[in-house]
Amino acid sequence: MPHTKAIPQSQSHRSLLARRWAALPLVTSLHACSADVVNLGENAEPLAPPAASLCQDTKTLTGDILVKNQDQLDELEGCEEIEGGLTVAPFAGADLRSLRALEEVRGALGFSDDSSNLSGAELAEQEALIESGWLASLEGLESLESVGGLSISGLLAADLDPLHNLKRNTGGLALARNPNLVDLTGLQNMRGTTGLLIHCVNLESLAGLFLPEYLDSALIVGPKLADLGSWNVDYVIDQLVVNATALTNLDAFSSLSRVDGTLQVMNNPLLENMDGLNGLVRAGALVVTRNPRLTRLPEFPALRQLPALTVMSNARLAELSTFEGLYADLDDEVTPGDLHRLSAQRIEIIANPELLRIATPTRWQIGQYVLMEGNARLLEVDFGELASVGLLSIVNNPSLTTVNLGALSTINVLSVLENPSLHSSSFDGVQTFERDMWGNADTP
């Protein structure tokens, strides 16, 4: 291939890279170590950089570096520090041993796709390389001690052992599409990770990964992932997603008290209980969907704020929480500001065939959107302290017979459809501005 210089990235690309790290992009993978081992022992004589090295006169490079081929990668031999970020885009036959002197990358270090200035065909070629596993090994990174974020995708190795000297990560960790990665051996000394993205099909455990008290966000996906290791996380600033894992419980989250974004627990075929979330004090939204062995939600005794709730397609779910702790810290005198805070943005209880009763959470007084649909055995709905609703839709609950209005007096739009055991007259005492009722016991 033609010899080309490693490419310093433009300011716009640096901004793009920062945004991608803030969102924790799905990129990561790894392969078994090469048999051709280089001695990186402490007593080895340092090798002089080759003539083509960018670090002939200095061990430090400034700015962000983008590498697209082996010639450009080899130009980094002898470099010890990069003051910006380093992205190694996928290319066939990549050999990282040219990076054996590298100790620090102040920006993000990514072995992942590069979406800057690429045609559709070039992007497709990169995608194919990642899917096939373009990076045989991380051998060459044994001296690395500090990064401003780490992203690996398309790696064929079963662990991350060449990173065992990595002690500091001031950015996110993204490991995705690394088909042979089984555990996180190699990252046990790393501290400071600010966000987490895990999406590897054969990863079994996160044991050894140290996480700080606060995370920007966390996305955890993996059909064989049965062990979350030891979590010290108290607060997730954005979202926390546990999707399609082999977890049977969420006990690892026992220290978690706050998720300002959405807490999603979904598509976990072996999950039997979520009681590890009983320490949760605040969540922006709770979404529990398609967990076929889950029979009940936690009691959430510490939960004080929850503006939105979605519970959908949990085949064995028979009990919902009453959320009795919600807003328990408020006095009896509720101010207009409190009313806004007590507003339920969304309640969705959909397609839970074993669910018998729904009660809206304590002290939810205003609901913007409330939907109860397709719950085959649902017998009773209790609206508790909910006084007004923007849109209330009760659809296709064939066993529903009882609605306790509680404080409910005003509904802007009311749809009560295809509930053959429920009398529409149950809502006669409620003021509505638009009403649609048919397919019920008294409205054929």
Protein backbone atom coordinates (compact mmCIF):
# COMPACT_ATOMS: atom_id res chain seq x y z
CA MET A 1 0.00 0.00 0.00
CA PRO A 2 1.26 3.58 -0.53
CA HIS A 3 3.08 5.20 2.38
CA THR A 4 1.01 7.99 3.92
CA LYS A 5 1.37 10.08 7.03
CA ALA A 6 -0.79 9.53 10.12
CA ILE A 7 -3.58 12.04 9.75
CA PRO A 8 -4.04 14.81 12.36
CA GLN A 9 -7.77 15.27 12.80
CA SER A 10 -9.51 18.55 12.18
CA GLN A 11 -11.20 20.55 14.92
CA SER A 12 -14.61 19.50 13.54
CA HIS A 13 -13.61 15.87 13.74
CA ARG A 14 -12.39 16.37 17.30
CA SER A 15 -15.83 17.77 18.15
CA LEU A 16 -17.45 14.79 16.48
CA LEU A 17 -15.21 12.45 18.45
CA ALA A 18 -16.17 14.18 21.70
CA ARG A 19 -19.86 13.87 20.89
CA ARG A 20 -19.45 10.20 20.04
CA TRP A 21 -17.78 9.59 23.39
CA ALA A 22 -20.49 11.46 25.25
CA ALA A 23 -23.01 9.08 23.69
CA LEU A 24 -20.83 6.04 24.27
CA PRO A 25 -20.96 4.66 20.70
CA LEU A 26 -21.33 0.94 20.08
CA VAL A 27 -17.78 -0.03 19.16
CA THR A 28 -15.48 -2.72 20.65
CA SER A 29 -13.83 -6.18 20.17
CA LEU A 30 -10.67 -8.28 20.68
CA HIS A 31 -8.54 -11.39 19.67
CA ALA A 32 -6.10 -13.83 21.24
CA CYS A 33 -2.51 -12.67 21.59
CA SER A 34 -0.03 -13.27 18.78
CA ALA A 35 2.62 -15.95 19.30
CA ASP A 36 5.27 -13.47 18.13
CA VAL A 37 5.82 -11.81 21.52
CA VAL A 38 7.93 -8.67 21.99
CA ASN A 39 9.85 -8.31 25.28
CA LEU A 40 8.51 -5.19 26.99
CA GLY A 41 10.16 -5.84 30.34
CA GLU A 42 11.26 -2.98 32.56
CA ASN A 43 14.97 -3.77 32.02
CA ALA A 44 14.81 -3.93 28.25
CA GLU A 45 16.83 -1.33 26.39
CA PRO A 46 14.52 1.23 24.75
CA LEU A 47 14.52 0.93 20.99
CA ALA A 48 15.32 3.98 18.90
CA PRO A 49 12.31 5.13 16.84
CA PRO A 50 12.54 4.16 13.17
CA ALA A 51 13.34 6.80 10.59
CA ALA A 52 9.70 7.18 9.58
CA SER A 53 8.52 7.80 13.18
CA LEU A 54 6.74 11.05 14.02
CA CYS A 55 8.51 10.90 17.39
CA GLN A 56 12.13 11.19 16.27
CA ASP A 57 12.57 14.55 18.03
CA THR A 58 9.86 14.38 20.68
CA LYS A 59 8.05 11.64 22.54
CA THR A 60 4.82 13.67 22.57
CA LEU A 61 2.39 14.35 19.73
CA THR A 62 -0.18 17.15 19.88
CA GLY A 63 -3.68 17.11 18.44
CA ASP A 64 -5.93 14.23 17.47
CA ILE A 65 -4.52 11.45 15.31
CA LEU A 66 -6.44 9.30 12.85
CA VAL A 67 -4.76 6.11 11.59
CA LYS A 68 -6.13 4.28 8.56
CA ASN A 69 -3.39 1.81 7.61
CA GLN A 70 -0.31 0.02 8.96
CA ASP A 71 2.17 2.56 7.55
CA GLN A 72 0.44 5.33 9.50
CA LEU A 73 0.35 3.16 12.61
CA ASP A 74 4.08 2.41 12.31
CA GLU A 75 4.79 6.15 12.25
CA LEU A 76 3.70 6.24 15.93
CA GLU A 77 6.47 3.89 17.02
CA GLY A 78 8.48 5.49 19.81
CA CYS A 79 5.68 7.92 20.78
CA GLU A 80 4.97 7.91 24.52
CA GLU A 81 2.22 10.50 24.77
CA ILE A 82 -0.54 11.87 22.54
CA GLU A 83 -2.04 15.08 23.85
CA GLY A 84 -5.19 14.61 21.81
CA GLY A 85 -7.11 11.48 20.87
CA LEU A 86 -6.06 8.49 18.81
CA THR A 87 -8.46 6.65 16.51
CA VAL A 88 -7.29 3.53 14.70
CA ALA A 89 -9.90 2.84 12.04
CA PRO A 90 -10.43 -0.78 10.91
CA PHE A 91 -8.02 -2.13 8.30
CA ALA A 92 -6.92 -5.65 7.45
CA GLY A 93 -3.87 -7.08 9.19
CA ALA A 94 -3.60 -4.40 11.89
CA ASP A 95 -0.58 -4.92 14.18
CA LEU A 96 -0.46 -2.66 17.28
CA ARG A 97 3.09 -3.47 18.32
CA SER A 98 4.23 -0.14 16.91
CA LEU A 99 2.47 1.41 19.93
CA ARG A 100 4.65 -0.43 22.46
CA ALA A 101 6.11 2.82 23.89
CA LEU A 102 2.72 4.54 24.23
CA GLU A 103 1.90 5.44 27.84
CA GLU A 104 -0.79 8.10 27.66
CA VAL A 105 -3.53 9.25 25.31
CA ARG A 106 -5.16 12.31 26.81
CA GLY A 107 -8.13 12.17 24.49
CA ALA A 108 -10.17 9.11 23.57
CA LEU A 109 -8.36 6.00 22.35
CA GLY A 110 -10.53 4.18 19.84
CA PHE A 111 -10.02 0.98 17.89
CA SER A 112 -13.26 1.48 16.07
CA ASP A 113 -15.00 2.84 13.00
CA ASP A 114 -14.22 6.25 11.59
CA SER A 115 -17.27 7.99 10.15
CA SER A 116 -15.56 11.19 9.00
CA ASN A 117 -15.55 11.98 5.30
CA LEU A 118 -16.25 8.41 4.22
CA SER A 119 -18.45 7.34 1.34
CA GLY A 120 -21.20 4.81 1.79
CA ALA A 121 -19.01 2.11 0.25
CA GLU A 122 -16.13 2.94 2.61
CA LEU A 123 -18.42 2.81 5.63
CA ALA A 124 -19.77 -0.55 4.47
CA GLU A 125 -16.19 -1.83 4.11
CA GLN A 126 -15.38 -0.75 7.67
CA GLU A 127 -18.53 -2.39 8.95
CA ALA A 128 -17.60 -5.66 7.25
CA LEU A 129 -14.12 -5.53 8.81
CA ILE A 130 -15.57 -5.00 12.29
CA GLU A 131 -18.06 -7.83 11.89
CA SER A 132 -15.36 -10.24 10.71
CA GLY A 133 -12.90 -9.18 13.40
CA TRP A 134 -10.19 -6.89 12.05
CA LEU A 135 -8.04 -6.73 15.18
CA ALA A 136 -6.33 -9.99 16.12
CA SER A 137 -4.79 -8.77 19.37
CA LEU A 138 -4.18 -5.77 21.61
CA GLU A 139 -0.53 -6.81 21.90
CA GLY A 140 1.55 -3.64 21.87
CA LEU A 141 -0.51 -1.74 24.47
CA GLU A 142 1.29 -3.16 27.50
CA SER A 143 2.86 0.22 28.40
CA LEU A 144 -0.42 2.13 28.27
CA GLU A 145 -1.30 3.74 31.61
CA SER A 146 -3.81 6.53 30.94
CA VAL A 147 -6.53 7.32 28.38
CA GLY A 148 -9.33 9.84 28.04
CA GLY A 149 -11.80 7.16 26.95
CA LEU A 150 -11.48 3.68 25.48
CA SER A 151 -13.45 2.15 22.62
CA ILE A 152 -12.78 -1.26 21.08
CA SER A 153 -14.77 -2.99 18.37
CA GLY A 154 -13.94 -5.93 16.12
CA LEU A 155 -11.43 -7.55 18.48
CA LEU A 156 -11.01 -11.33 18.32
CA ALA A 157 -9.26 -11.98 21.66
CA ALA A 158 -10.98 -13.60 24.65
CA ASP A 159 -9.73 -11.04 27.19
CA LEU A 160 -8.10 -7.61 27.42
CA ASP A 161 -4.93 -8.70 29.20
CA PRO A 162 -2.47 -6.43 27.28
CA LEU A 163 -4.20 -3.50 29.03
CA HIS A 164 -3.22 -4.70 32.51
CA ASN A 165 -1.10 -1.56 33.13
CA LEU A 166 -3.96 0.79 32.27
CA LYS A 167 -4.67 2.68 35.51
CA ARG A 168 -6.60 5.77 34.50
CA ASN A 169 -9.56 6.39 32.20
CA THR A 170 -11.12 9.85 32.29
CA GLY A 171 -13.76 9.04 29.67
CA GLY A 172 -16.14 6.30 28.68
CA LEU A 173 -15.57 2.59 28.14
CA ALA A 174 -17.22 1.09 25.05
CA LEU A 175 -16.83 -2.61 24.28
CA ALA A 176 -19.06 -3.85 21.49
CA ARG A 177 -19.00 -6.50 18.78
CA ASN A 178 -16.02 -8.34 20.23
CA PRO A 179 -17.24 -11.86 19.52
CA ASN A 180 -14.74 -13.86 21.61
CA LEU A 181 -14.51 -11.58 24.62
CA VAL A 182 -15.48 -13.67 27.69
CA ASP A 183 -14.40 -11.46 30.60
CA LEU A 184 -12.72 -8.14 31.28
CA THR A 185 -9.38 -9.47 32.46
CA GLY A 186 -6.89 -6.71 31.80
CA LEU A 187 -9.06 -3.84 33.04
CA GLN A 188 -8.85 -4.68 36.74
CA ASN A 189 -6.46 -1.79 37.46
CA MET A 190 -8.38 0.86 35.53
CA ARG A 191 -10.08 3.63 37.51
CA GLY A 192 -12.17 6.68 36.64
CA THR A 193 -14.48 5.47 33.86
CA THR A 194 -17.28 8.00 33.30
CA GLY A 195 -19.66 5.96 31.16
CA LEU A 196 -20.20 2.39 30.08
CA LEU A 197 -21.33 0.63 26.94
CA ILE A 198 -21.11 -3.17 26.89
CA HIS A 199 -22.46 -5.17 23.94
CA CYS A 200 -20.60 -8.44 23.37
CA VAL A 201 -22.33 -11.71 22.52
CA ASN A 202 -20.07 -14.07 24.51
CA LEU A 203 -19.14 -11.84 27.44
CA GLU A 204 -20.04 -13.65 30.68
CA SER A 205 -18.87 -11.36 33.46
CA LEU A 206 -17.96 -7.77 34.32
CA ALA A 207 -16.09 -8.93 37.42
CA GLY A 208 -12.93 -6.92 38.04
CA LEU A 209 -14.26 -3.76 36.40
CA PHE A 210 -14.14 -0.90 38.89
CA LEU A 211 -16.76 1.79 38.43
CA PRO A 212 -16.94 5.14 40.26
CA GLU A 213 -19.80 6.49 42.34
CA TYR A 214 -21.18 8.46 39.37
CA LEU A 215 -21.67 7.43 35.73
CA ASP A 216 -22.87 9.53 32.81
CA SER A 217 -24.76 6.55 31.39
CA ALA A 218 -24.61 2.78 31.17
CA LEU A 219 -25.84 0.41 28.46
CA ILE A 220 -25.36 -3.29 29.19
CA VAL A 221 -26.22 -5.90 26.56
CA GLY A 222 -25.04 -9.50 26.27
CA PRO A 223 -26.97 -12.79 26.01
CA LYS A 224 -24.39 -14.66 28.12
CA LEU A 225 -23.76 -11.89 30.65
CA ALA A 226 -24.70 -13.40 34.03
CA ASP A 227 -22.42 -11.49 36.39
CA LEU A 228 -22.26 -7.71 36.73
CA GLY A 229 -19.40 -7.88 39.20
CA SER A 230 -19.15 -5.31 42.00
CA TRP A 231 -20.86 -2.02 41.25
CA ASN A 232 -20.20 1.01 43.43
CA VAL A 233 -22.41 3.27 41.33
CA ASP A 234 -24.82 5.46 43.27
CA TYR A 235 -25.92 7.89 40.57
CA VAL A 236 -26.41 7.58 36.80
CA ILE A 237 -26.83 11.00 35.25
CA ASP A 238 -28.52 9.91 32.02
CA GLN A 239 -29.88 6.44 31.25
CA LEU A 240 -29.23 2.96 32.60
CA VAL A 241 -30.22 0.10 30.28
CA VAL A 242 -30.03 -3.62 31.06
CA ASN A 243 -31.07 -5.37 27.86
CA ALA A 244 -30.98 -8.99 26.67
CA THR A 245 -28.69 -10.42 29.34
CA ALA A 246 -28.49 -13.75 31.21
CA LEU A 247 -28.97 -12.07 34.60
CA THR A 248 -31.29 -13.76 37.10
CA ASN A 249 -31.35 -10.76 39.47
CA LEU A 250 -30.18 -7.16 39.76
CA ASP A 251 -28.51 -7.48 43.15
CA ALA A 252 -25.39 -5.79 41.81
CA PHE A 253 -27.35 -2.51 41.74
CA SER A 254 -27.94 -2.45 45.51
CA SER A 255 -25.96 0.80 45.88
CA LEU A 256 -27.89 2.61 43.13
CA SER A 257 -30.06 5.47 44.39
CA ARG A 258 -30.63 7.75 41.40
CA VAL A 259 -31.08 7.57 37.62
CA ASP A 260 -32.02 10.96 36.18
CA GLY A 261 -32.86 9.50 32.77
CA THR A 262 -34.67 6.28 31.98
CA LEU A 263 -33.98 3.06 33.85
CA GLN A 264 -34.78 0.25 31.39
CA VAL A 265 -34.87 -3.44 32.23
CA MET A 266 -35.86 -5.32 29.09
CA ASN A 267 -35.58 -8.60 27.18
CA ASN A 268 -33.92 -10.53 30.01
CA PRO A 269 -35.17 -14.13 29.64
CA LEU A 270 -33.80 -15.42 32.99
CA LEU A 271 -34.52 -12.42 35.21
CA GLU A 272 -36.60 -13.52 38.21
CA ASN A 273 -36.44 -10.50 40.51
CA MET A 274 -35.37 -6.87 40.50
CA ASP A 275 -35.10 -6.43 44.27
CA GLY A 276 -31.57 -5.09 43.90
CA LEU A 277 -33.23 -1.81 42.88
CA ASN A 278 -34.96 -1.36 46.24
CA GLY A 279 -32.47 1.37 47.18
CA LEU A 280 -33.61 3.55 44.28
CA VAL A 281 -34.68 7.01 45.44
CA ARG A 282 -35.26 8.79 42.14
CA ALA A 283 -35.69 7.87 38.48
CA GLY A 284 -36.72 9.92 35.48
CA ALA A 285 -38.65 6.91 34.12
CA LEU A 286 -38.89 3.20 34.78
CA VAL A 287 -39.38 0.82 31.85
CA VAL A 288 -39.82 -2.91 32.50
CA THR A 289 -40.56 -4.90 29.35
CA ARG A 290 -40.34 -8.46 28.04
CA ASN A 291 -38.88 -10.21 31.08
CA PRO A 292 -40.75 -13.53 30.89
CA ARG A 293 -39.79 -14.95 34.34
CA LEU A 294 -40.42 -11.79 36.33
CA THR A 295 -43.45 -12.25 38.62
CA ARG A 296 -43.44 -8.95 40.51
CA LEU A 297 -41.80 -5.55 40.69
CA PRO A 298 -39.74 -4.49 43.71
CA GLU A 299 -41.50 -2.69 46.55
CA PHE A 300 -39.25 0.34 45.99
CA PRO A 301 -39.53 1.47 49.64
CA ALA A 302 -37.05 4.33 49.16
CA LEU A 303 -38.43 5.65 45.85
CA ARG A 304 -39.54 9.29 46.10
CA GLN A 305 -39.81 10.52 42.52
CA LEU A 306 -40.92 8.71 39.36
CA PRO A 307 -42.56 10.76 36.58
CA ALA A 308 -43.08 7.91 34.11
CA LEU A 309 -43.75 4.18 34.23
CA THR A 310 -43.97 1.59 31.45
CA VAL A 311 -44.62 -2.09 32.22
CA MET A 312 -45.15 -4.15 29.09
CA SER A 313 -45.16 -7.77 27.89
CA ASN A 314 -43.95 -9.47 31.05
CA ALA A 315 -45.51 -12.91 30.66
CA ARG A 316 -45.67 -13.91 34.35
CA LEU A 317 -45.94 -10.53 36.07
CA ALA A 318 -48.78 -10.75 38.59
CA GLU A 319 -48.05 -7.81 40.92
CA LEU A 320 -47.20 -4.16 40.47
CA SER A 321 -45.66 -2.04 43.18
CA THR A 322 -47.83 0.47 44.97
CA PHE A 323 -44.90 2.90 45.11
CA GLU A 324 -46.09 4.08 48.51
CA GLY A 325 -42.95 6.10 49.13
CA LEU A 326 -43.49 8.46 46.20
CA TYR A 327 -43.34 12.09 47.34
CA ALA A 328 -43.47 10.97 50.97
CA ASP A 329 -41.04 13.78 51.80
CA LEU A 330 -43.67 16.40 50.93
CA ASP A 331 -45.86 18.04 53.54
CA ASP A 332 -49.63 17.82 53.34
CA GLU A 333 -49.68 21.36 51.93
CA VAL A 334 -48.80 20.89 48.25
CA THR A 335 -47.78 24.03 46.32
CA PRO A 336 -48.47 24.61 42.60
CA GLY A 337 -44.81 23.83 41.96
CA ASP A 338 -45.25 20.53 43.76
CA LEU A 339 -48.27 19.74 41.57
CA HIS A 340 -46.13 20.11 38.48
CA ARG A 341 -43.55 17.82 40.01
CA LEU A 342 -46.26 15.30 40.92
CA SER A 343 -47.43 15.16 37.32
CA ALA A 344 -47.19 11.72 35.76
CA GLN A 345 -45.90 12.20 32.25
CA ARG A 346 -46.72 8.66 31.21
CA ILE A 347 -48.22 5.47 32.62
CA GLU A 348 -48.31 2.48 30.28
CA ILE A 349 -49.40 -0.96 31.48
CA ILE A 350 -49.58 -3.13 28.38
CA ALA A 351 -49.86 -6.85 27.56
CA ASN A 352 -49.07 -8.37 30.94
CA PRO A 353 -51.29 -11.48 30.76
CA GLU A 354 -51.09 -12.49 34.46
CA LEU A 355 -51.56 -9.04 35.98
CA LEU A 356 -54.71 -8.85 38.13
CA ARG A 357 -54.74 -5.31 39.57
CA ILE A 358 -53.38 -1.89 38.68
CA ALA A 359 -53.16 0.95 41.20
CA THR A 360 -51.66 4.27 40.17
CA PRO A 361 -48.72 5.31 42.36
CA THR A 362 -49.30 7.21 45.56
CA ARG A 363 -49.67 10.99 45.28
CA TRP A 364 -49.62 11.07 41.52
CA GLN A 365 -52.29 13.76 41.11
CA ILE A 366 -51.99 14.70 37.44
CA GLY A 367 -51.51 12.28 34.57
CA GLN A 368 -50.68 13.42 31.06
CA TYR A 369 -50.97 10.05 29.34
CA VAL A 370 -52.35 6.87 30.90
CA LEU A 371 -52.70 3.66 28.86
CA MET A 372 -53.89 0.25 30.09
CA GLU A 373 -54.13 -2.18 27.22
CA GLY A 374 -54.18 -5.90 26.48
CA ASN A 375 -53.89 -7.22 30.04
CA ALA A 376 -55.82 -10.47 29.66
CA ARG A 377 -56.59 -11.24 33.34
CA LEU A 378 -56.79 -7.70 34.68
CA LEU A 379 -59.76 -7.42 37.07
CA GLU A 380 -59.43 -4.05 38.78
CA VAL A 381 -58.03 -0.55 38.23
CA ASP A 382 -57.68 1.91 41.12
CA PHE A 383 -56.86 5.52 40.26
CA GLY A 384 -56.09 6.46 43.88
CA GLU A 385 -55.11 10.13 44.20
CA LEU A 386 -54.97 10.79 40.46
CA ALA A 387 -57.32 13.77 40.00
CA SER A 388 -56.99 14.69 36.33
CA VAL A 389 -55.71 13.00 33.18
CA GLY A 390 -54.97 14.43 29.75
CA LEU A 391 -55.51 11.17 27.86
CA LEU A 392 -56.84 7.99 29.44
CA SER A 393 -57.06 4.88 27.27
CA ILE A 394 -58.36 1.54 28.58
CA VAL A 395 -58.40 -0.93 25.71
CA ASN A 396 -58.85 -4.68 25.28
CA ASN A 397 -58.76 -5.88 28.87
CA PRO A 398 -61.30 -8.73 28.57
CA SER A 399 -61.59 -9.57 32.29
CA LEU A 400 -61.74 -6.02 33.66
CA THR A 401 -64.87 -5.48 35.75
CA THR A 402 -64.01 -2.82 38.35
CA VAL A 403 -62.77 0.75 38.12
CA ASN A 404 -62.25 2.69 41.35
CA LEU A 405 -62.19 6.35 40.38
CA GLY A 406 -60.79 7.61 43.67
CA ALA A 407 -60.05 11.32 43.21
CA LEU A 408 -60.37 11.20 39.42
CA SER A 409 -62.76 13.93 38.27
CA THR A 410 -61.43 15.30 34.95
CA ILE A 411 -60.28 13.54 31.78
CA ASN A 412 -59.62 15.55 28.63
CA VAL A 413 -59.79 12.58 26.25
CA LEU A 414 -61.27 9.26 27.39
CA SER A 415 -61.15 6.04 25.33
CA VAL A 416 -62.70 2.90 26.83
CA LEU A 417 -62.73 0.26 24.10
CA GLU A 418 -63.16 -3.52 23.85
CA ASN A 419 -63.49 -4.29 27.54
CA PRO A 420 -66.45 -6.70 27.35
CA SER A 421 -66.84 -7.14 31.13
CA LEU A 422 -66.63 -3.43 32.02
CA HIS A 423 -69.58 -1.05 32.09
CA SER A 424 -68.87 2.33 30.53
CA SER A 425 -71.08 3.84 33.20
CA SER A 426 -68.13 3.39 35.56
CA PHE A 427 -66.98 6.77 34.25
CA ASP A 428 -70.29 8.63 34.54
CA GLY A 429 -69.00 10.79 37.38
CA VAL A 430 -66.01 12.07 35.42
CA GLN A 431 -66.01 15.26 33.38
CA THR A 432 -64.65 14.63 29.88
CA PHE A 433 -64.12 16.83 26.83
CA GLU A 434 -63.91 13.99 24.36
CA ARG A 435 -65.25 10.49 24.97
CA ASP A 436 -64.99 7.35 22.84
CA MET A 437 -66.60 4.16 24.14
CA TRP A 438 -67.52 0.94 22.38
CA GLY A 439 -67.07 -2.80 22.73
CA ASN A 440 -67.77 -2.69 26.47
CA ALA A 441 -70.46 -4.47 28.52
CA ASP A 442 -73.05 -1.73 27.91
CA THR A 443 -71.72 -0.25 24.65
CA PRO A 444 -71.68 -3.00 22.05
